[in-house]
N, C-alpha and C. Protein backbone atom coordinates (compact mmCIF):
# COMPACT_ATOMS: atom_id res chain seq x y z
N MET A 1 44.84 -47.32 -18.20
CA MET A 1 45.14 -46.72 -19.49
C MET A 1 44.91 -47.69 -20.66
N PRO A 2 45.23 -48.98 -20.52
CA PRO A 2 44.98 -49.88 -21.65
C PRO A 2 43.51 -49.89 -22.08
N ASN A 3 42.58 -49.85 -21.13
CA ASN A 3 41.17 -49.79 -21.49
C ASN A 3 40.84 -48.51 -22.23
N ASP A 4 41.50 -47.43 -21.87
CA ASP A 4 41.27 -46.16 -22.56
C ASP A 4 41.59 -46.29 -24.05
N LEU A 5 42.64 -47.03 -24.36
CA LEU A 5 42.99 -47.24 -25.77
C LEU A 5 41.89 -48.02 -26.49
N VAL A 6 41.32 -49.00 -25.83
CA VAL A 6 40.23 -49.77 -26.43
C VAL A 6 39.05 -48.85 -26.71
N TYR A 7 38.69 -48.02 -25.74
CA TYR A 7 37.55 -47.12 -25.93
C TYR A 7 37.83 -46.08 -27.01
N MET A 8 39.07 -45.62 -27.09
CA MET A 8 39.40 -44.67 -28.15
C MET A 8 39.34 -45.33 -29.52
N ARG A 9 39.71 -46.60 -29.61
CA ARG A 9 39.58 -47.31 -30.88
C ARG A 9 38.11 -47.41 -31.28
N HIS A 10 37.24 -47.66 -30.30
CA HIS A 10 35.81 -47.70 -30.58
C HIS A 10 35.32 -46.34 -31.07
N MET A 11 35.80 -45.28 -30.42
CA MET A 11 35.41 -43.93 -30.83
C MET A 11 35.86 -43.68 -32.27
N LEU A 12 37.09 -44.02 -32.57
CA LEU A 12 37.61 -43.78 -33.92
C LEU A 12 36.82 -44.57 -34.96
N ALA A 13 36.53 -45.81 -34.68
CA ALA A 13 35.76 -46.62 -35.63
C ALA A 13 34.39 -46.00 -35.88
N ALA A 14 33.75 -45.52 -34.83
CA ALA A 14 32.42 -44.90 -34.98
C ALA A 14 32.52 -43.60 -35.78
N ILE A 15 33.51 -42.79 -35.50
CA ILE A 15 33.68 -41.53 -36.22
C ILE A 15 33.97 -41.80 -37.70
N GLU A 16 34.79 -42.79 -37.97
CA GLU A 16 35.09 -43.11 -39.37
C GLU A 16 33.84 -43.61 -40.11
N LYS A 17 32.99 -44.35 -39.42
CA LYS A 17 31.73 -44.77 -40.05
C LYS A 17 30.86 -43.56 -40.35
N ILE A 18 30.77 -42.64 -39.40
CA ILE A 18 29.98 -41.43 -39.62
C ILE A 18 30.52 -40.67 -40.83
N ASP A 19 31.83 -40.54 -40.91
CA ASP A 19 32.44 -39.87 -42.07
C ASP A 19 31.99 -40.53 -43.37
N ARG A 20 32.01 -41.85 -43.41
CA ARG A 20 31.60 -42.57 -44.62
C ARG A 20 30.12 -42.36 -44.91
N TYR A 21 29.29 -42.45 -43.88
CA TYR A 21 27.84 -42.30 -44.07
C TYR A 21 27.48 -40.93 -44.63
N LEU A 22 28.25 -39.90 -44.24
CA LEU A 22 27.90 -38.53 -44.63
C LEU A 22 28.66 -38.04 -45.86
N THR A 23 29.53 -38.85 -46.40
CA THR A 23 30.28 -38.43 -47.59
C THR A 23 29.33 -38.04 -48.71
N GLY A 24 29.53 -36.84 -49.24
CA GLY A 24 28.72 -36.36 -50.36
C GLY A 24 27.31 -35.94 -49.99
N MET A 25 27.02 -35.87 -48.72
CA MET A 25 25.66 -35.57 -48.28
C MET A 25 25.60 -34.16 -47.69
N ASP A 26 24.54 -33.43 -48.04
CA ASP A 26 24.30 -32.14 -47.40
C ASP A 26 23.24 -32.34 -46.31
N TYR A 27 22.94 -31.26 -45.60
CA TYR A 27 22.01 -31.35 -44.48
C TYR A 27 20.64 -31.87 -44.92
N GLU A 28 20.13 -31.35 -46.02
CA GLU A 28 18.82 -31.79 -46.49
C GLU A 28 18.83 -33.28 -46.86
N GLY A 29 19.88 -33.69 -47.53
CA GLY A 29 20.01 -35.10 -47.87
C GLY A 29 20.07 -35.99 -46.64
N PHE A 30 20.77 -35.49 -45.63
CA PHE A 30 20.87 -36.24 -44.37
C PHE A 30 19.50 -36.38 -43.71
N THR A 31 18.80 -35.27 -43.58
CA THR A 31 17.53 -35.30 -42.84
C THR A 31 16.43 -36.07 -43.55
N THR A 32 16.58 -36.30 -44.84
CA THR A 32 15.56 -37.04 -45.58
C THR A 32 15.97 -38.50 -45.83
N ASN A 33 17.09 -38.90 -45.27
CA ASN A 33 17.58 -40.27 -45.44
C ASN A 33 17.52 -40.98 -44.09
N ASP A 34 16.44 -41.70 -43.86
CA ASP A 34 16.24 -42.36 -42.56
C ASP A 34 17.38 -43.30 -42.20
N MET A 35 17.90 -44.02 -43.17
CA MET A 35 19.00 -44.94 -42.86
C MET A 35 20.25 -44.19 -42.42
N ALA A 36 20.55 -43.08 -43.08
CA ALA A 36 21.72 -42.29 -42.69
C ALA A 36 21.53 -41.72 -41.30
N VAL A 37 20.34 -41.19 -41.03
CA VAL A 37 20.06 -40.64 -39.70
C VAL A 37 20.23 -41.72 -38.64
N ASP A 38 19.60 -42.86 -38.85
CA ASP A 38 19.68 -43.94 -37.87
C ASP A 38 21.12 -44.41 -37.66
N ALA A 39 21.86 -44.53 -38.74
CA ALA A 39 23.25 -45.00 -38.64
C ALA A 39 24.12 -43.99 -37.91
N VAL A 40 23.98 -42.71 -38.25
CA VAL A 40 24.79 -41.68 -37.62
C VAL A 40 24.44 -41.56 -36.14
N VAL A 41 23.17 -41.57 -35.82
CA VAL A 41 22.76 -41.48 -34.41
C VAL A 41 23.34 -42.65 -33.63
N ARG A 42 23.27 -43.84 -34.19
CA ARG A 42 23.81 -45.02 -33.50
C ARG A 42 25.30 -44.87 -33.26
N GLU A 43 26.04 -44.41 -34.25
CA GLU A 43 27.49 -44.26 -34.08
C GLU A 43 27.82 -43.15 -33.08
N LEU A 44 27.01 -42.10 -33.03
CA LEU A 44 27.22 -41.07 -32.01
C LEU A 44 26.96 -41.63 -30.62
N GLU A 45 25.99 -42.52 -30.50
CA GLU A 45 25.76 -43.19 -29.21
C GLU A 45 27.00 -43.97 -28.80
N ILE A 46 27.63 -44.63 -29.76
CA ILE A 46 28.85 -45.41 -29.46
C ILE A 46 29.98 -44.48 -29.04
N VAL A 47 30.14 -43.36 -29.73
CA VAL A 47 31.16 -42.38 -29.33
C VAL A 47 30.92 -41.96 -27.88
N GLY A 48 29.68 -41.63 -27.56
CA GLY A 48 29.36 -41.19 -26.20
C GLY A 48 29.55 -42.28 -25.17
N GLU A 49 29.18 -43.49 -25.50
CA GLU A 49 29.34 -44.61 -24.58
C GLU A 49 30.82 -44.89 -24.34
N ALA A 50 31.62 -44.84 -25.38
CA ALA A 50 33.06 -45.03 -25.22
C ALA A 50 33.65 -43.92 -24.36
N ALA A 51 33.23 -42.69 -24.59
CA ALA A 51 33.71 -41.56 -23.78
C ALA A 51 33.31 -41.74 -22.32
N ARG A 52 32.11 -42.23 -22.10
CA ARG A 52 31.61 -42.45 -20.74
C ARG A 52 32.46 -43.48 -19.99
N ASN A 53 33.07 -44.38 -20.73
CA ASN A 53 33.86 -45.45 -20.11
C ASN A 53 35.34 -45.14 -19.98
N LEU A 54 35.78 -44.00 -20.50
CA LEU A 54 37.18 -43.62 -20.32
C LEU A 54 37.46 -43.40 -18.84
N SER A 55 38.68 -43.65 -18.44
CA SER A 55 39.05 -43.47 -17.03
C SER A 55 38.95 -42.00 -16.63
N THR A 56 38.63 -41.78 -15.38
CA THR A 56 38.55 -40.42 -14.85
C THR A 56 39.89 -39.71 -15.03
N LEU A 57 40.96 -40.42 -14.79
CA LEU A 57 42.30 -39.83 -14.93
C LEU A 57 42.53 -39.35 -16.36
N PHE A 58 42.20 -40.16 -17.34
CA PHE A 58 42.39 -39.78 -18.74
C PHE A 58 41.56 -38.54 -19.07
N VAL A 59 40.31 -38.55 -18.67
CA VAL A 59 39.42 -37.41 -18.94
C VAL A 59 39.97 -36.15 -18.30
N GLU A 60 40.42 -36.25 -17.06
CA GLU A 60 40.96 -35.07 -16.36
C GLU A 60 42.25 -34.57 -16.99
N GLU A 61 43.02 -35.47 -17.58
CA GLU A 61 44.27 -35.08 -18.25
C GLU A 61 44.03 -34.38 -19.59
N HIS A 62 42.79 -34.43 -20.08
CA HIS A 62 42.49 -33.86 -21.40
C HIS A 62 41.24 -32.98 -21.35
N PRO A 63 41.34 -31.87 -20.61
CA PRO A 63 40.18 -30.97 -20.50
C PRO A 63 39.86 -30.22 -21.79
N GLU A 64 40.74 -30.30 -22.78
CA GLU A 64 40.49 -29.62 -24.05
C GLU A 64 39.36 -30.29 -24.84
N ILE A 65 39.01 -31.49 -24.45
CA ILE A 65 37.91 -32.21 -25.11
C ILE A 65 36.65 -32.05 -24.25
N PRO A 66 35.53 -31.69 -24.85
CA PRO A 66 34.29 -31.47 -24.08
C PRO A 66 33.61 -32.80 -23.71
N TRP A 67 34.24 -33.54 -22.82
CA TRP A 67 33.75 -34.87 -22.44
C TRP A 67 32.31 -34.83 -21.95
N ARG A 68 31.99 -33.85 -21.12
CA ARG A 68 30.62 -33.77 -20.59
C ARG A 68 29.59 -33.61 -21.70
N ARG A 69 29.91 -32.78 -22.67
CA ARG A 69 28.97 -32.58 -23.80
C ARG A 69 28.83 -33.85 -24.63
N ILE A 70 29.93 -34.56 -24.80
CA ILE A 70 29.89 -35.82 -25.56
C ILE A 70 29.00 -36.82 -24.84
N LYS A 71 29.18 -36.93 -23.54
CA LYS A 71 28.37 -37.87 -22.75
C LYS A 71 26.91 -37.42 -22.70
N ALA A 72 26.70 -36.12 -22.60
CA ALA A 72 25.32 -35.60 -22.55
C ALA A 72 24.60 -35.88 -23.86
N MET A 73 25.30 -35.75 -24.97
CA MET A 73 24.67 -36.03 -26.25
C MET A 73 24.28 -37.50 -26.33
N ARG A 74 25.13 -38.37 -25.86
CA ARG A 74 24.82 -39.80 -25.83
C ARG A 74 23.54 -40.04 -25.05
N ASN A 75 23.42 -39.39 -23.90
CA ASN A 75 22.22 -39.57 -23.06
C ASN A 75 20.96 -39.11 -23.78
N VAL A 76 21.05 -37.99 -24.46
CA VAL A 76 19.89 -37.48 -25.21
C VAL A 76 19.53 -38.45 -26.32
N LEU A 77 20.52 -38.92 -27.05
CA LEU A 77 20.25 -39.81 -28.18
C LEU A 77 19.62 -41.12 -27.72
N ILE A 78 20.04 -41.62 -26.59
CA ILE A 78 19.52 -42.90 -26.10
C ILE A 78 18.18 -42.74 -25.39
N HIS A 79 18.06 -41.71 -24.56
CA HIS A 79 16.88 -41.61 -23.70
C HIS A 79 15.78 -40.72 -24.27
N GLN A 80 16.13 -39.84 -25.19
CA GLN A 80 15.12 -38.95 -25.78
C GLN A 80 15.12 -39.09 -27.30
N TYR A 81 15.23 -40.32 -27.74
CA TYR A 81 15.34 -40.62 -29.17
C TYR A 81 14.21 -40.03 -29.99
N PHE A 82 13.06 -39.83 -29.37
CA PHE A 82 11.89 -39.29 -30.08
C PHE A 82 12.00 -37.80 -30.31
N GLY A 83 12.93 -37.14 -29.65
CA GLY A 83 13.05 -35.70 -29.78
C GLY A 83 14.43 -35.26 -30.22
N VAL A 84 15.13 -36.10 -30.96
CA VAL A 84 16.49 -35.77 -31.39
C VAL A 84 16.44 -34.63 -32.40
N ASP A 85 17.24 -33.61 -32.15
CA ASP A 85 17.34 -32.45 -33.03
C ASP A 85 18.39 -32.77 -34.10
N LEU A 86 17.94 -33.01 -35.32
CA LEU A 86 18.86 -33.41 -36.38
C LEU A 86 19.85 -32.31 -36.75
N LYS A 87 19.49 -31.07 -36.51
CA LYS A 87 20.43 -29.97 -36.76
C LYS A 87 21.62 -30.08 -35.80
N VAL A 88 21.34 -30.41 -34.55
CA VAL A 88 22.41 -30.59 -33.57
C VAL A 88 23.28 -31.79 -33.96
N VAL A 89 22.65 -32.86 -34.38
CA VAL A 89 23.40 -34.04 -34.82
C VAL A 89 24.31 -33.68 -35.99
N TRP A 90 23.75 -33.01 -36.99
CA TRP A 90 24.51 -32.62 -38.18
C TRP A 90 25.67 -31.70 -37.79
N ASP A 91 25.39 -30.68 -37.00
CA ASP A 91 26.44 -29.74 -36.60
C ASP A 91 27.54 -30.43 -35.81
N THR A 92 27.15 -31.35 -34.96
CA THR A 92 28.14 -32.11 -34.19
C THR A 92 29.05 -32.90 -35.12
N CYS A 93 28.46 -33.55 -36.08
CA CYS A 93 29.24 -34.37 -37.02
C CYS A 93 30.18 -33.52 -37.86
N ARG A 94 29.70 -32.38 -38.29
CA ARG A 94 30.49 -31.53 -39.19
C ARG A 94 31.46 -30.60 -38.46
N SER A 95 31.11 -30.19 -37.25
CA SER A 95 31.93 -29.19 -36.55
C SER A 95 32.78 -29.77 -35.42
N ASN A 96 32.27 -30.75 -34.70
CA ASN A 96 32.96 -31.23 -33.50
C ASN A 96 33.72 -32.54 -33.71
N LEU A 97 33.19 -33.42 -34.52
CA LEU A 97 33.84 -34.72 -34.68
C LEU A 97 35.23 -34.64 -35.31
N PRO A 98 35.49 -33.71 -36.24
CA PRO A 98 36.85 -33.64 -36.78
C PRO A 98 37.91 -33.40 -35.70
N GLN A 99 37.61 -32.52 -34.74
CA GLN A 99 38.55 -32.26 -33.64
C GLN A 99 38.72 -33.51 -32.79
N LEU A 100 37.62 -34.17 -32.47
CA LEU A 100 37.70 -35.38 -31.65
C LEU A 100 38.47 -36.47 -32.39
N LYS A 101 38.22 -36.61 -33.67
CA LYS A 101 38.94 -37.61 -34.47
C LYS A 101 40.44 -37.35 -34.45
N SER A 102 40.83 -36.11 -34.63
CA SER A 102 42.24 -35.75 -34.61
C SER A 102 42.86 -36.07 -33.25
N PHE A 103 42.16 -35.73 -32.19
CA PHE A 103 42.64 -36.02 -30.84
C PHE A 103 42.82 -37.53 -30.65
N VAL A 104 41.82 -38.30 -31.01
CA VAL A 104 41.87 -39.75 -30.83
C VAL A 104 43.01 -40.35 -31.65
N LEU A 105 43.16 -39.93 -32.89
CA LEU A 105 44.26 -40.43 -33.72
C LEU A 105 45.61 -40.14 -33.08
N ASN A 106 45.78 -38.93 -32.55
CA ASN A 106 47.03 -38.57 -31.89
C ASN A 106 47.27 -39.42 -30.65
N GLN A 107 46.23 -39.63 -29.87
CA GLN A 107 46.37 -40.45 -28.66
C GLN A 107 46.72 -41.89 -29.01
N LEU A 108 46.07 -42.43 -30.00
CA LEU A 108 46.35 -43.81 -30.40
C LEU A 108 47.77 -43.95 -30.95
N ALA A 109 48.22 -42.95 -31.69
CA ALA A 109 49.58 -42.98 -32.23
C ALA A 109 50.62 -42.94 -31.11
N ARG A 110 50.28 -42.24 -30.02
CA ARG A 110 51.18 -42.13 -28.88
C ARG A 110 51.04 -43.30 -27.91
N GLY A 111 50.06 -44.12 -28.15
CA GLY A 111 49.82 -45.24 -27.24
C GLY A 111 49.05 -44.84 -26.00
N GLY A 112 48.32 -43.74 -26.09
CA GLY A 112 47.47 -43.31 -24.98
C GLY A 112 47.99 -42.07 -24.38
């Protein structure tokens, strides 16, 4: 469990960076800003890598989080970087990360 806290801190740091990178940005602004795209994709890779390293027990205790999808996105971003769908990246950041951020904050506040 202590390692899970470390990985959740990494996830939170990455999500907070994504939030900052996308502040005031719409989809068109995102897709035309190479630095923002690169930064967001990198931080999503970190979120996925941290999720991949969470203990099996922790993941099984929290089926409300789509761990498989998070890990799958990491794999796509790392291994198929040439075919990344920016709409999926944008939607993930705007629709899914807020829930994950809330979950991680709650877990960290509880100590895991």
